[in-house]
Amino acid sequence: MSNPPHVAVTGAAGYIGSRVVHQLQRDHPDWELTALDNFYLGDVRTNGDVDVDHVDIRHRDQLEAALDGADAVLHLAAISGVDDCDEKPDLAYEVNVVGTSNVAYFCEKTGAAMGFPFSMAVIGDPTEFPISVDMARDPLNWYGTTKVLGESAVDDFSAGSFPAHQFMISNLYGGHEVGGREVSKGTVINFFVNRALSGEPLTVYEPGDQARNFVHVKDVANAFCLSAERLVERKRAGETGVEKFEVASDEDPGVMAVAELVQRVAREQRGLDVDVELVENPRSGETLVSEFGVDTTAIERDLGWEPRQSVEATVRELLAPE
């Protein structure tokens, strides 16, 4: 293995990936970093001292040339979210399944370690709590199905070939800055805050009490940076196979409760009076449970990770008077 380590990040222009590249530079300035993205949604072209190269993970020859020499690949490129996958099912398959298989195949051939996120959408409607990676896969939508297929590919390719981490990530929120520029995404909490700032009603899909576990994008990025450190060690030790972790917080409010929190903070801090409206749910494949506890024992024990952000503090920060 090269010394210092060479770590590549796919999806490096995106919501999580750009934060990972930023933190790796901060925490490991001696590491060699390769950043890749096809700029489908993300538009961070330069991150500190690292340029993001235009590479499409669906094109295996191009991908493998870009990853050449990597000791570990943090594979964050994806078509994420239920709606985008429903609207572009072929693209979701090509990126989330074929693209992930391409990365895993590269790792199988070279021995490079791999980190990969899959969503709690793979569980569908859980029947017991707390949620863990050991639960049966029963996705309710195409997004969750593509993530199950990607997870399976990493399981199969890594066995006896390379060390891998797979992360079951709960619902993201919050934002971060890259070069003074805010990087965010229309996740549910961010959506509510932006609606409040625009004076628009906060629309909650029925029934409203459906719970979600929320984890901040900075905390998720930190999990991947800790993962990179551990994967480098596992590769040096000659380990192979998958370790799986849940990435979540201890906050799992109902969606209506989140909307009411944003409504209250918007009034307190901005003097904004916004309505909360319960509307018909257009999604047929959505998890509808009234609790969403997650077991994070493994990642806390093995990677030393814990969430540092909170929903209310973040909402207050996002709605702070300018």
C-alpha atoms as a PDB file:
ATOM      1  CA  MET A   1       0.000   0.000   0.000  1.00  0.00           C
ATOM      2  CA  SER A   2       1.150   3.496  -0.751  1.00  0.00           C
ATOM      3  CA  ASN A   3       2.252   5.557   2.198  1.00  0.00           C
ATOM      4  CA  PRO A   4       0.516   7.937   2.768  1.00  0.00           C
ATOM      5  CA  PRO A   5      -2.825   6.373   1.792  1.00  0.00           C
ATOM      6  CA  HIS A   6      -4.579   7.228  -1.457  1.00  0.00           C
ATOM      7  CA  VAL A   7      -8.361   7.574  -0.976  1.00  0.00           C
ATOM      8  CA  ALA A   8     -10.866   8.178  -3.783  1.00  0.00           C
ATOM      9  CA  VAL A   9     -14.357   9.616  -3.354  1.00  0.00           C
ATOM     10  CA  THR A  10     -17.109   9.172  -5.953  1.00  0.00           C
ATOM     11  CA  GLY A  11     -20.014  11.613  -5.836  1.00  0.00           C
ATOM     12  CA  ALA A  12     -17.464  14.134  -4.552  1.00  0.00           C
ATOM     13  CA  ALA A  13     -19.423  17.153  -5.818  1.00  0.00           C
ATOM     14  CA  GLY A  14     -22.551  16.129  -3.923  1.00  0.00           C
ATOM     15  CA  TYR A  15     -24.223  16.704  -0.594  1.00  0.00           C
ATOM     16  CA  ILE A  16     -22.236  14.156   1.459  1.00  0.00           C
ATOM     17  CA  GLY A  17     -19.228  13.681  -0.802  1.00  0.00           C
ATOM     18  CA  SER A  18     -18.161  17.318  -0.819  1.00  0.00           C
ATOM     19  CA  ARG A  19     -18.162  17.363   2.982  1.00  0.00           C
ATOM     20  CA  VAL A  20     -16.143  14.118   3.071  1.00  0.00           C
ATOM     21  CA  VAL A  21     -13.481  15.573   0.754  1.00  0.00           C
ATOM     22  CA  HIS A  22     -13.349  18.735   2.887  1.00  0.00           C
ATOM     23  CA  GLN A  23     -12.958  16.794   6.143  1.00  0.00           C
ATOM     24  CA  LEU A  24     -10.367  14.353   4.791  1.00  0.00           C
ATOM     25  CA  GLN A  25      -8.194  17.291   3.746  1.00  0.00           C
ATOM     26  CA  ARG A  26      -8.624  18.819   7.195  1.00  0.00           C
ATOM     27  CA  ASP A  27      -7.940  15.637   9.159  1.00  0.00           C
ATOM     28  CA  HIS A  28      -5.340  14.028   6.874  1.00  0.00           C
ATOM     29  CA  PRO A  29      -3.485  16.713   4.909  1.00  0.00           C
ATOM     30  CA  ASP A  30      -0.807  14.174   3.938  1.00  0.00           C
ATOM     31  CA  TRP A  31      -3.235  11.762   2.231  1.00  0.00           C
ATOM     32  CA  GLU A  32      -3.561  11.638  -1.540  1.00  0.00           C
ATOM     33  CA  LEU A  33      -7.180  12.301  -2.532  1.00  0.00           C
ATOM     34  CA  THR A  34      -9.000  11.645  -5.809  1.00  0.00           C
ATOM     35  CA  ALA A  35     -12.442  13.216  -6.219  1.00  0.00           C
ATOM     36  CA  LEU A  36     -14.869  12.082  -8.949  1.00  0.00           C
ATOM     37  CA  ASP A  37     -18.368  13.166 -10.031  1.00  0.00           C
ATOM     38  CA  ASN A  38     -20.427  13.418 -13.220  1.00  0.00           C
ATOM     39  CA  PHE A  39     -22.099  16.649 -11.954  1.00  0.00           C
ATOM     40  CA  TYR A  40     -25.620  15.304 -12.391  1.00  0.00           C
ATOM     41  CA  LEU A  41     -26.727  17.322  -9.356  1.00  0.00           C
ATOM     42  CA  GLY A  42     -23.610  18.306  -7.424  1.00  0.00           C
ATOM     43  CA  ASP A  43     -21.653  21.279  -8.727  1.00  0.00           C
ATOM     44  CA  VAL A  44     -18.600  21.566  -6.470  1.00  0.00           C
ATOM     45  CA  ARG A  45     -15.745  21.653  -8.975  1.00  0.00           C
ATOM     46  CA  THR A  46     -12.926  22.496  -6.566  1.00  0.00           C
ATOM     47  CA  ASN A  47     -12.742  21.619  -2.885  1.00  0.00           C
ATOM     48  CA  GLY A  48      -9.772  23.110  -1.066  1.00  0.00           C
ATOM     49  CA  ASP A  49      -6.689  21.797  -2.836  1.00  0.00           C
ATOM     50  CA  VAL A  50      -8.613  19.028  -4.637  1.00  0.00           C
ATOM     51  CA  ASP A  51     -10.157  19.343  -8.096  1.00  0.00           C
ATOM     52  CA  VAL A  52     -13.223  17.197  -8.762  1.00  0.00           C
ATOM     53  CA  ASP A  53     -12.702  15.205 -11.982  1.00  0.00           C
ATOM     54  CA  HIS A  54     -15.584  14.578 -14.380  1.00  0.00           C
ATOM     55  CA  VAL A  55     -16.049  10.796 -14.330  1.00  0.00           C
ATOM     56  CA  ASP A  56     -19.227   8.762 -14.821  1.00  0.00           C
ATOM     57  CA  ILE A  57     -19.263   5.571 -12.747  1.00  0.00           C
ATOM     58  CA  ARG A  58     -21.405   3.859 -15.394  1.00  0.00           C
ATOM     59  CA  HIS A  59     -18.392   3.846 -17.738  1.00  0.00           C
ATOM     60  CA  ARG A  60     -16.134   1.181 -16.274  1.00  0.00           C
ATOM     61  CA  ASP A  61     -12.975   1.878 -18.298  1.00  0.00           C
ATOM     62  CA  GLN A  62     -13.118   5.581 -17.463  1.00  0.00           C
ATOM     63  CA  LEU A  63     -13.868   4.807 -13.820  1.00  0.00           C
ATOM     64  CA  GLU A  64     -11.043   2.318 -13.382  1.00  0.00           C
ATOM     65  CA  ALA A  65      -8.514   4.682 -14.961  1.00  0.00           C
ATOM     66  CA  ALA A  66      -9.574   7.425 -12.540  1.00  0.00           C
ATOM     67  CA  LEU A  67      -9.396   5.096  -9.517  1.00  0.00           C
ATOM     68  CA  ASP A  68      -5.998   3.661 -10.438  1.00  0.00           C
ATOM     69  CA  GLY A  69      -3.750   3.396  -7.392  1.00  0.00           C
ATOM     70  CA  ALA A  70      -6.482   4.009  -4.811  1.00  0.00           C
ATOM     71  CA  ASP A  71      -6.133   2.174  -1.511  1.00  0.00           C
ATOM     72  CA  ALA A  72      -9.755   2.864  -0.588  1.00  0.00           C
ATOM     73  CA  VAL A  73     -12.832   4.098  -2.441  1.00  0.00           C
ATOM     74  CA  LEU A  74     -15.659   5.891  -0.631  1.00  0.00           C
ATOM     75  CA  HIS A  75     -18.446   5.285  -3.135  1.00  0.00           C
ATOM     76  CA  LEU A  76     -21.022   8.041  -2.595  1.00  0.00           C
ATOM     77  CA  ALA A  77     -22.240   8.572  -6.161  1.00  0.00           C
ATOM     78  CA  ALA A  78     -25.940   7.689  -6.490  1.00  0.00           C
ATOM     79  CA  ILE A  79     -29.358   8.656  -7.730  1.00  0.00           C
ATOM     80  CA  SER A  80     -30.854   9.288  -4.319  1.00  0.00           C
ATOM     81  CA  GLY A  81     -34.423   9.709  -3.208  1.00  0.00           C
ATOM     82  CA  VAL A  82     -37.711   8.026  -3.989  1.00  0.00           C
ATOM     83  CA  ASP A  83     -39.006  10.599  -6.468  1.00  0.00           C
ATOM     84  CA  ASP A  84     -35.886  10.835  -8.641  1.00  0.00           C
ATOM     85  CA  CYS A  85     -35.643   7.048  -8.891  1.00  0.00           C
ATOM     86  CA  ASP A  86     -39.347   6.716  -9.756  1.00  0.00           C
ATOM     87  CA  GLU A  87     -39.083   9.379 -12.451  1.00  0.00           C
ATOM     88  CA  LYS A  88     -35.839   7.985 -13.938  1.00  0.00           C
ATOM     89  CA  PRO A  89     -35.865   4.249 -13.207  1.00  0.00           C
ATOM     90  CA  ASP A  90     -33.358   3.298 -15.910  1.00  0.00           C
ATOM     91  CA  LEU A  91     -30.877   5.927 -14.752  1.00  0.00           C
ATOM     92  CA  ALA A  92     -31.337   4.815 -11.131  1.00  0.00           C
ATOM     93  CA  TYR A  93     -30.552   1.229 -12.142  1.00  0.00           C
ATOM     94  CA  GLU A  94     -27.518   2.195 -14.209  1.00  0.00           C
ATOM     95  CA  VAL A  95     -26.014   4.354 -11.453  1.00  0.00           C
ATOM     96  CA  ASN A  96     -27.089   2.626  -8.248  1.00  0.00           C
ATOM     97  CA  VAL A  97     -26.697  -0.961  -9.430  1.00  0.00           C
ATOM     98  CA  VAL A  98     -24.354  -1.051 -12.428  1.00  0.00           C
ATOM     99  CA  GLY A  99     -22.202   1.837 -11.205  1.00  0.00           C
ATOM    100  CA  THR A 100     -21.868   0.350  -7.730  1.00  0.00           C
ATOM    101  CA  SER A 101     -20.984  -3.025  -9.242  1.00  0.00           C
ATOM    102  CA  ASN A 102     -18.324  -1.309 -11.352  1.00  0.00           C
ATOM    103  CA  VAL A 103     -16.711   0.178  -8.248  1.00  0.00           C
ATOM    104  CA  ALA A 104     -16.914  -3.125  -6.366  1.00  0.00           C
ATOM    105  CA  TYR A 105     -15.424  -4.977  -9.359  1.00  0.00           C
ATOM    106  CA  PHE A 106     -12.495  -2.536  -9.413  1.00  0.00           C
ATOM    107  CA  CYS A 107     -11.936  -3.216  -5.706  1.00  0.00           C
ATOM    108  CA  GLU A 108     -12.195  -6.966  -6.273  1.00  0.00           C
ATOM    109  CA  LYS A 109      -9.463  -6.783  -8.937  1.00  0.00           C
ATOM    110  CA  THR A 110      -7.122  -4.436  -7.066  1.00  0.00           C
ATOM    111  CA  GLY A 111      -7.812  -5.188  -3.405  1.00  0.00           C
ATOM    112  CA  ALA A 112      -8.774  -1.579  -2.708  1.00  0.00           C
ATOM    113  CA  ALA A 113     -11.075  -1.130   0.273  1.00  0.00           C
ATOM    114  CA  MET A 114     -14.601   0.215  -0.239  1.00  0.00           C
ATOM    115  CA  GLY A 115     -17.107   2.247   1.750  1.00  0.00           C
ATOM    116  CA  PHE A 116     -20.706   2.358   0.546  1.00  0.00           C
ATOM    117  CA  PRO A 117     -23.963   3.825   1.900  1.00  0.00           C
ATOM    118  CA  PHE A 118     -27.309   2.158   1.525  1.00  0.00           C
ATOM    119  CA  SER A 119     -30.537   3.637   2.824  1.00  0.00           C
ATOM    120  CA  MET A 120     -33.006   2.562   5.473  1.00  0.00           C
ATOM    121  CA  ALA A 121     -35.363   2.377   2.511  1.00  0.00           C
ATOM    122  CA  VAL A 122     -34.070  -1.196   2.117  1.00  0.00           C
ATOM    123  CA  ILE A 123     -36.079  -2.166   5.216  1.00  0.00           C
ATOM    124  CA  GLY A 124     -39.460  -0.912   4.024  1.00  0.00           C
ATOM    125  CA  ASP A 125     -41.937  -0.849   6.901  1.00  0.00           C
ATOM    126  CA  PRO A 126     -40.007  -2.200   9.906  1.00  0.00           C
ATOM    127  CA  THR A 127     -41.947  -4.449  12.244  1.00  0.00           C
ATOM    128  CA  GLU A 128     -39.655  -4.142  15.258  1.00  0.00           C
ATOM    129  CA  PHE A 129     -37.360  -1.594  16.860  1.00  0.00           C
ATOM    130  CA  PRO A 130     -34.622  -0.558  17.156  1.00  0.00           C
ATOM    131  CA  ILE A 131     -33.756  -0.929  13.484  1.00  0.00           C
ATOM    132  CA  SER A 132     -30.503  -2.709  12.667  1.00  0.00           C
ATOM    133  CA  VAL A 133     -28.578  -3.864   9.604  1.00  0.00           C
ATOM    134  CA  ASP A 134     -29.557  -7.443  10.420  1.00  0.00           C
ATOM    135  CA  MET A 135     -33.233  -6.906   9.595  1.00  0.00           C
ATOM    136  CA  ALA A 136     -34.818  -8.432   6.502  1.00  0.00           C
ATOM    137  CA  ARG A 137     -34.748  -6.408   3.279  1.00  0.00           C
ATOM    138  CA  ASP A 138     -38.236  -5.523   2.053  1.00  0.00           C
ATOM    139  CA  PRO A 139     -38.081  -2.224   0.119  1.00  0.00           C
ATOM    140  CA  LEU A 140     -41.307  -0.423  -0.756  1.00  0.00           C
ATOM    141  CA  ASN A 141     -39.967   1.501  -3.758  1.00  0.00           C
ATOM    142  CA  TRP A 142     -37.493   1.384  -6.636  1.00  0.00           C
ATOM    143  CA  TYR A 143     -34.938   3.516  -4.789  1.00  0.00           C
ATOM    144  CA  GLY A 144     -34.821   1.006  -1.941  1.00  0.00           C
ATOM    145  CA  THR A 145     -34.628  -1.885  -4.403  1.00  0.00           C
ATOM    146  CA  THR A 146     -31.619  -0.399  -6.206  1.00  0.00           C
ATOM    147  CA  LYS A 147     -29.896   0.058  -2.858  1.00  0.00           C
ATOM    148  CA  VAL A 148     -30.535  -3.583  -1.930  1.00  0.00           C
ATOM    149  CA  LEU A 149     -28.989  -4.659  -5.232  1.00  0.00           C
ATOM    150  CA  GLY A 150     -25.980  -2.408  -4.669  1.00  0.00           C
ATOM    151  CA  GLU A 151     -25.558  -3.742  -1.138  1.00  0.00           C
ATOM    152  CA  SER A 152     -25.642  -7.305  -2.445  1.00  0.00           C
ATOM    153  CA  ALA A 153     -22.999  -6.549  -5.076  1.00  0.00           C
ATOM    154  CA  VAL A 154     -20.612  -5.195  -2.449  1.00  0.00           C
ATOM    155  CA  ASP A 155     -21.282  -8.226  -0.233  1.00  0.00           C
ATOM    156  CA  ASP A 156     -20.476 -10.620  -3.070  1.00  0.00           C
ATOM    157  CA  PHE A 157     -17.439  -8.877  -4.549  1.00  0.00           C
ATOM    158  CA  SER A 158     -15.764  -8.180  -1.192  1.00  0.00           C
ATOM    159  CA  ALA A 159     -15.929 -11.732   0.147  1.00  0.00           C
ATOM    160  CA  GLY A 160     -12.326 -12.966   0.240  1.00  0.00           C
ATOM    161  CA  SER A 161     -11.160 -10.044  -1.910  1.00  0.00           C
ATOM    162  CA  PHE A 162     -11.179  -6.676  -0.124  1.00  0.00           C
ATOM    163  CA  PRO A 163     -12.335  -5.002   3.104  1.00  0.00           C
ATOM    164  CA  ALA A 164     -15.605  -3.066   2.915  1.00  0.00           C
ATOM    165  CA  HIS A 165     -17.870  -0.981   5.088  1.00  0.00           C
ATOM    166  CA  GLN A 166     -21.557  -0.620   4.339  1.00  0.00           C
ATOM    167  CA  PHE A 167     -23.649   2.030   6.082  1.00  0.00           C
ATOM    168  CA  MET A 168     -27.408   2.015   6.601  1.00  0.00           C
ATOM    169  CA  ILE A 169     -28.084   5.749   6.809  1.00  0.00           C
ATOM    170  CA  SER A 170     -31.211   7.382   8.166  1.00  0.00           C
ATOM    171  CA  ASN A 171     -32.766  10.631   6.864  1.00  0.00           C
ATOM    172  CA  LEU A 172     -30.295  13.423   6.294  1.00  0.00           C
ATOM    173  CA  TYR A 173     -30.730  17.088   7.081  1.00  0.00           C
ATOM    174  CA  GLY A 174     -28.670  20.255   7.425  1.00  0.00           C
ATOM    175  CA  GLY A 175     -25.994  21.752   5.242  1.00  0.00           C
ATOM    176  CA  HIS A 176     -22.323  22.684   5.176  1.00  0.00           C
ATOM    177  CA  GLU A 177     -19.988  25.058   3.405  1.00  0.00           C
ATOM    178  CA  VAL A 178     -17.333  24.413   0.779  1.00  0.00           C
ATOM    179  CA  GLY A 179     -15.191  27.430  -0.023  1.00  0.00           C
ATOM    180  CA  GLY A 180     -17.752  29.790   1.494  1.00  0.00           C
ATOM    181  CA  ARG A 181     -20.548  28.249  -0.560  1.00  0.00           C
ATOM    182  CA  GLU A 182     -23.519  26.542   1.106  1.00  0.00           C
ATOM    183  CA  VAL A 183     -24.117  22.931   0.066  1.00  0.00           C
ATOM    184  CA  SER A 184     -27.576  21.613   0.893  1.00  0.00           C
ATOM    185  CA  LYS A 185     -30.317  19.347  -0.436  1.00  0.00           C
ATOM    186  CA  GLY A 186     -34.106  19.267  -0.363  1.00  0.00           C
ATOM    187  CA  THR A 187     -34.415  16.755   2.456  1.00  0.00           C
ATOM    188  CA  VAL A 188     -37.532  17.107   4.598  1.00  0.00           C
ATOM    189  CA  ILE A 189     -36.137  19.386   7.321  1.00  0.00           C
ATOM    190  CA  ASN A 190     -34.312  21.565   4.790  1.00  0.00           C
ATOM    191  CA  PHE A 191     -37.525  21.672   2.732  1.00  0.00           C
ATOM    192  CA  PHE A 192     -39.564  22.913   5.696  1.00  0.00           C
ATOM    193  CA  VAL A 193     -36.985  25.593   6.572  1.00  0.00           C
ATOM    194  CA  ASN A 194     -36.847  26.878   2.990  1.00  0.00           C
ATOM    195  CA  ARG A 195     -40.657  26.991   2.803  1.00  0.00           C
ATOM    196  CA  ALA A 196     -40.797  28.929   6.052  1.00  0.00           C
ATOM    197  CA  LEU A 197     -38.241  31.458   4.812  1.00  0.00           C
ATOM    198  CA  SER A 198     -40.350  31.929   1.669  1.00  0.00           C
ATOM    199  CA  GLY A 199     -43.528  32.384   3.719  1.00  0.00           C
ATOM    200  CA  GLU A 200     -45.087  29.282   2.158  1.00  0.00           C
ATOM    201  CA  PRO A 201     -47.144  26.645   4.002  1.00  0.00           C
ATOM    202  CA  LEU A 202     -45.275  23.654   5.400  1.00  0.00           C
ATOM    203  CA  THR A 203     -46.934  20.742   3.603  1.00  0.00           C
ATOM    204  CA  VAL A 204     -46.933  17.445   5.491  1.00  0.00           C
ATOM    205  CA  TYR A 205     -47.907  14.234   3.733  1.00  0.00           C
ATOM    206  CA  GLU A 206     -50.662  12.212   5.386  1.00  0.00           C
ATOM    207  CA  PRO A 207     -50.935  10.752   7.957  1.00  0.00           C
ATOM    208  CA  GLY A 208     -48.380  13.133   9.498  1.00  0.00           C
ATOM    209  CA  ASP A 209     -47.341  10.972  12.423  1.00  0.00           C
ATOM    210  CA  GLN A 210     -44.986   8.878  10.292  1.00  0.00           C
ATOM    211  CA  ALA A 211     -41.650   8.954  12.106  1.00  0.00           C
ATOM    212  CA  ARG A 212     -38.219   9.425  10.614  1.00  0.00           C
ATOM    213  CA  ASN A 213     -34.804   9.158  12.206  1.00  0.00           C
ATOM    214  CA  PHE A 214     -32.752  12.250  11.368  1.00  0.00           C
ATOM    215  CA  VAL A 215     -28.970  12.518  11.107  1.00  0.00           C
ATOM    216  CA  HIS A 216     -26.985  15.596  10.078  1.00  0.00           C
ATOM    217  CA  VAL A 217     -24.928  15.539   6.884  1.00  0.00           C
ATOM    218  CA  LYS A 218     -21.821  16.573   8.849  1.00  0.00           C
ATOM    219  CA  ASP A 219     -22.241  13.573  11.145  1.00  0.00           C
ATOM    220  CA  VAL A 220     -22.668  11.246   8.166  1.00  0.00           C
ATOM    221  CA  ALA A 221     -19.560  12.661   6.501  1.00  0.00           C
ATOM    222  CA  ASN A 222     -17.642  12.114   9.728  1.00  0.00           C
ATOM    223  CA  ALA A 223     -18.706   8.458   9.682  1.00  0.00           C
ATOM    224  CA  PHE A 224     -17.151   8.052   6.235  1.00  0.00           C
ATOM    225  CA  CYS A 225     -13.933   9.750   7.293  1.00  0.00           C
ATOM    226  CA  LEU A 226     -13.645   7.442  10.307  1.00  0.00           C
ATOM    227  CA  SER A 227     -14.453   4.590   7.943  1.00  0.00           C
ATOM    228  CA  ALA A 228     -11.592   5.559   5.627  1.00  0.00           C
ATOM    229  CA  GLU A 229      -9.169   5.422   8.552  1.00  0.00           C
ATOM    230  CA  ARG A 230     -10.401   1.982   9.592  1.00  0.00           C
ATOM    231  CA  LEU A 231     -10.494   0.641   6.020  1.00  0.00           C
ATOM    232  CA  VAL A 232      -6.868   1.640   5.459  1.00  0.00           C
ATOM    233  CA  GLU A 233      -5.966  -0.317   8.606  1.00  0.00           C
ATOM    234  CA  ARG A 234      -8.030  -3.328   7.497  1.00  0.00           C
ATOM    235  CA  LYS A 235      -6.380  -3.348   4.080  1.00  0.00           C
ATOM    236  CA  ARG A 236      -2.911  -3.204   5.621  1.00  0.00           C
ATOM    237  CA  ALA A 237      -3.867  -6.116   7.874  1.00  0.00           C
ATOM    238  CA  GLY A 238      -5.025  -8.177   4.874  1.00  0.00           C
ATOM    239  CA  GLU A 239      -8.642  -8.318   6.029  1.00  0.00           C
ATOM    240  CA  THR A 240     -11.505  -8.910   3.597  1.00  0.00           C
ATOM    241  CA  GLY A 241     -15.291  -8.901   3.706  1.00  0.00           C
ATOM    242  CA  VAL A 242     -17.987  -6.526   4.900  1.00  0.00           C
ATOM    243  CA  GLU A 243     -18.601  -4.766   8.196  1.00  0.00           C
ATOM    244  CA  LYS A 244     -22.029  -3.087   8.351  1.00  0.00           C
ATOM    245  CA  PHE A 245     -23.105  -0.145  10.497  1.00  0.00           C
ATOM    246  CA  GLU A 246     -26.199   1.919  11.225  1.00  0.00           C
ATOM    247  CA  VAL A 247     -25.692   5.698  10.962  1.00  0.00           C
ATOM    248  CA  ALA A 248     -28.462   7.484  12.848  1.00  0.00           C
ATOM    249  CA  SER A 249     -29.224   9.681  15.818  1.00  0.00           C
ATOM    250  CA  ASP A 250     -31.506   9.257  18.823  1.00  0.00           C
ATOM    251  CA  GLU A 251     -33.983  11.730  17.270  1.00  0.00           C
ATOM    252  CA  ASP A 252     -36.955  10.149  15.504  1.00  0.00           C
ATOM    253  CA  PRO A 253     -39.880  12.598  15.603  1.00  0.00           C
ATOM    254  CA  GLY A 254     -42.986  12.413  13.431  1.00  0.00           C
ATOM    255  CA  VAL A 255     -42.946  14.581  10.312  1.00  0.00           C
ATOM    256  CA  MET A 256     -45.769  16.756  11.655  1.00  0.00           C
ATOM    257  CA  ALA A 257     -43.761  17.384  14.821  1.00  0.00           C
ATOM    258  CA  VAL A 258     -40.809  18.529  12.722  1.00  0.00           C
ATOM    259  CA  ALA A 259     -43.017  20.906  10.733  1.00  0.00           C
ATOM    260  CA  GLU A 260     -44.435  22.346  13.960  1.00  0.00           C
ATOM    261  CA  LEU A 261     -40.896  22.837  15.324  1.00  0.00           C
ATOM    262  CA  VAL A 262     -39.909  24.784  12.188  1.00  0.00           C
ATOM    263  CA  GLN A 263     -43.151  26.777  12.430  1.00  0.00           C
ATOM    264  CA  ARG A 264     -42.442  27.698  16.067  1.00  0.00           C
ATOM    265  CA  VAL A 265     -38.787  28.644  15.521  1.00  0.00           C
ATOM    266  CA  ALA A 266     -39.651  30.677  12.419  1.00  0.00           C
ATOM    267  CA  ARG A 267     -42.103  32.687  14.522  1.00  0.00           C
ATOM    268  CA  GLU A 268     -39.702  33.095  17.460  1.00  0.00           C
ATOM    269  CA  GLN A 269     -36.593  34.025  15.503  1.00  0.00           C
ATOM    270  CA  ARG A 270     -37.928  35.629  12.339  1.00  0.00           C
ATOM    271  CA  GLY A 271     -41.417  36.794  13.217  1.00  0.00           C
ATOM    272  CA  LEU A 272     -42.724  34.623  10.382  1.00  0.00           C
ATOM    273  CA  ASP A 273     -46.226  33.158  10.599  1.00  0.00           C
ATOM    274  CA  VAL A 274     -46.402  30.102   8.374  1.00  0.00           C
ATOM    275  CA  ASP A 275     -49.139  27.505   8.217  1.00  0.00           C
ATOM    276  CA  VAL A 276     -48.729  23.758   8.493  1.00  0.00           C
ATOM    277  CA  GLU A 277     -50.956  21.842   6.088  1.00  0.00           C
ATOM    278  CA  LEU A 278     -51.681  18.108   6.014  1.00  0.00           C
ATOM    279  CA  VAL A 279     -51.941  17.037   2.358  1.00  0.00           C
ATOM    280  CA  GLU A 280     -52.610  13.818   0.478  1.00  0.00           C
ATOM    281  CA  ASN A 281     -49.554  11.601   0.254  1.00  0.00           C
ATOM    282  CA  PRO A 282     -48.569  11.140  -3.420  1.00  0.00           C
ATOM    283  CA  ARG A 283     -46.081   8.385  -2.618  1.00  0.00           C
ATOM    284  CA  SER A 284     -47.324   4.825  -2.706  1.00  0.00           C
ATOM    285  CA  GLY A 285     -44.018   3.366  -1.527  1.00  0.00           C
ATOM    286  CA  GLU A 286     -43.300   5.217   1.687  1.00  0.00           C
ATOM    287  CA  THR A 287     -42.504   3.900   5.140  1.00  0.00           C
ATOM    288  CA  LEU A 288     -45.371   4.607   7.547  1.00  0.00           C
ATOM    289  CA  VAL A 289     -44.384   3.856  11.133  1.00  0.00           C
ATOM    290  CA  SER A 290     -44.908   5.931  14.264  1.00  0.00           C
ATOM    291  CA  GLU A 291     -41.456   5.242  15.747  1.00  0.00           C
ATOM    292  CA  PHE A 292     -38.030   4.922  14.152  1.00  0.00           C
ATOM    293  CA  GLY A 293     -35.435   4.013  16.770  1.00  0.00           C
ATOM    294  CA  VAL A 294     -32.110   2.757  15.404  1.00  0.00           C
ATOM    295  CA  ASP A 295     -29.392   0.672  17.065  1.00  0.00           C
ATOM    296  CA  THR A 296     -26.067   2.511  16.608  1.00  0.00           C
ATOM    297  CA  THR A 297     -24.067   0.394  19.055  1.00  0.00           C
ATOM    298  CA  ALA A 298     -21.748  -1.061  16.409  1.00  0.00           C
ATOM    299  CA  ILE A 299     -20.564   2.194  14.848  1.00  0.00           C
ATOM    300  CA  GLU A 300     -20.081   3.813  18.246  1.00  0.00           C
ATOM    301  CA  ARG A 301     -18.035   0.826  19.441  1.00  0.00           C
ATOM    302  CA  ASP A 302     -16.015   0.014  16.320  1.00  0.00           C
ATOM    303  CA  LEU A 303     -15.476   3.415  14.703  1.00  0.00           C
ATOM    304  CA  GLY A 304     -15.810   5.720  17.709  1.00  0.00           C
ATOM    305  CA  TRP A 305     -18.600   7.631  15.959  1.00  0.00           C
ATOM    306  CA  GLU A 306     -21.426   9.530  17.604  1.00  0.00           C
ATOM    307  CA  PRO A 307     -23.802  12.224  16.319  1.00  0.00           C
ATOM    308  CA  ARG A 308     -22.841  15.756  17.335  1.00  0.00           C
ATOM    309  CA  GLN A 309     -25.645  17.767  15.735  1.00  0.00           C
ATOM    310  CA  SER A 310     -29.279  18.095  16.821  1.00  0.00           C
ATOM    311  CA  VAL A 311     -32.439  18.838  14.867  1.00  0.00           C
ATOM    312  CA  GLU A 312     -33.612  21.805  16.950  1.00  0.00           C
ATOM    313  CA  ALA A 313     -30.167  23.431  17.099  1.00  0.00           C
ATOM    314  CA  THR A 314     -29.825  23.082  13.335  1.00  0.00           C
ATOM    315  CA  VAL A 315     -33.305  24.492  12.672  1.00  0.00           C
ATOM    316  CA  ARG A 316     -32.462  27.449  14.903  1.00  0.00           C
ATOM    317  CA  GLU A 317     -29.194  27.982  13.076  1.00  0.00           C
ATOM    318  CA  LEU A 318     -30.858  27.809   9.650  1.00  0.00           C
ATOM    319  CA  LEU A 319     -33.561  30.258  10.738  1.00  0.00           C
ATOM    320  CA  ALA A 320     -31.251  32.617  12.632  1.00  0.00           C
ATOM    321  CA  PRO A 321     -31.831  36.299  11.780  1.00  0.00           C
ATOM    322  CA  GLU A 322     -29.326  37.578   9.253  1.00  0.00           C
END
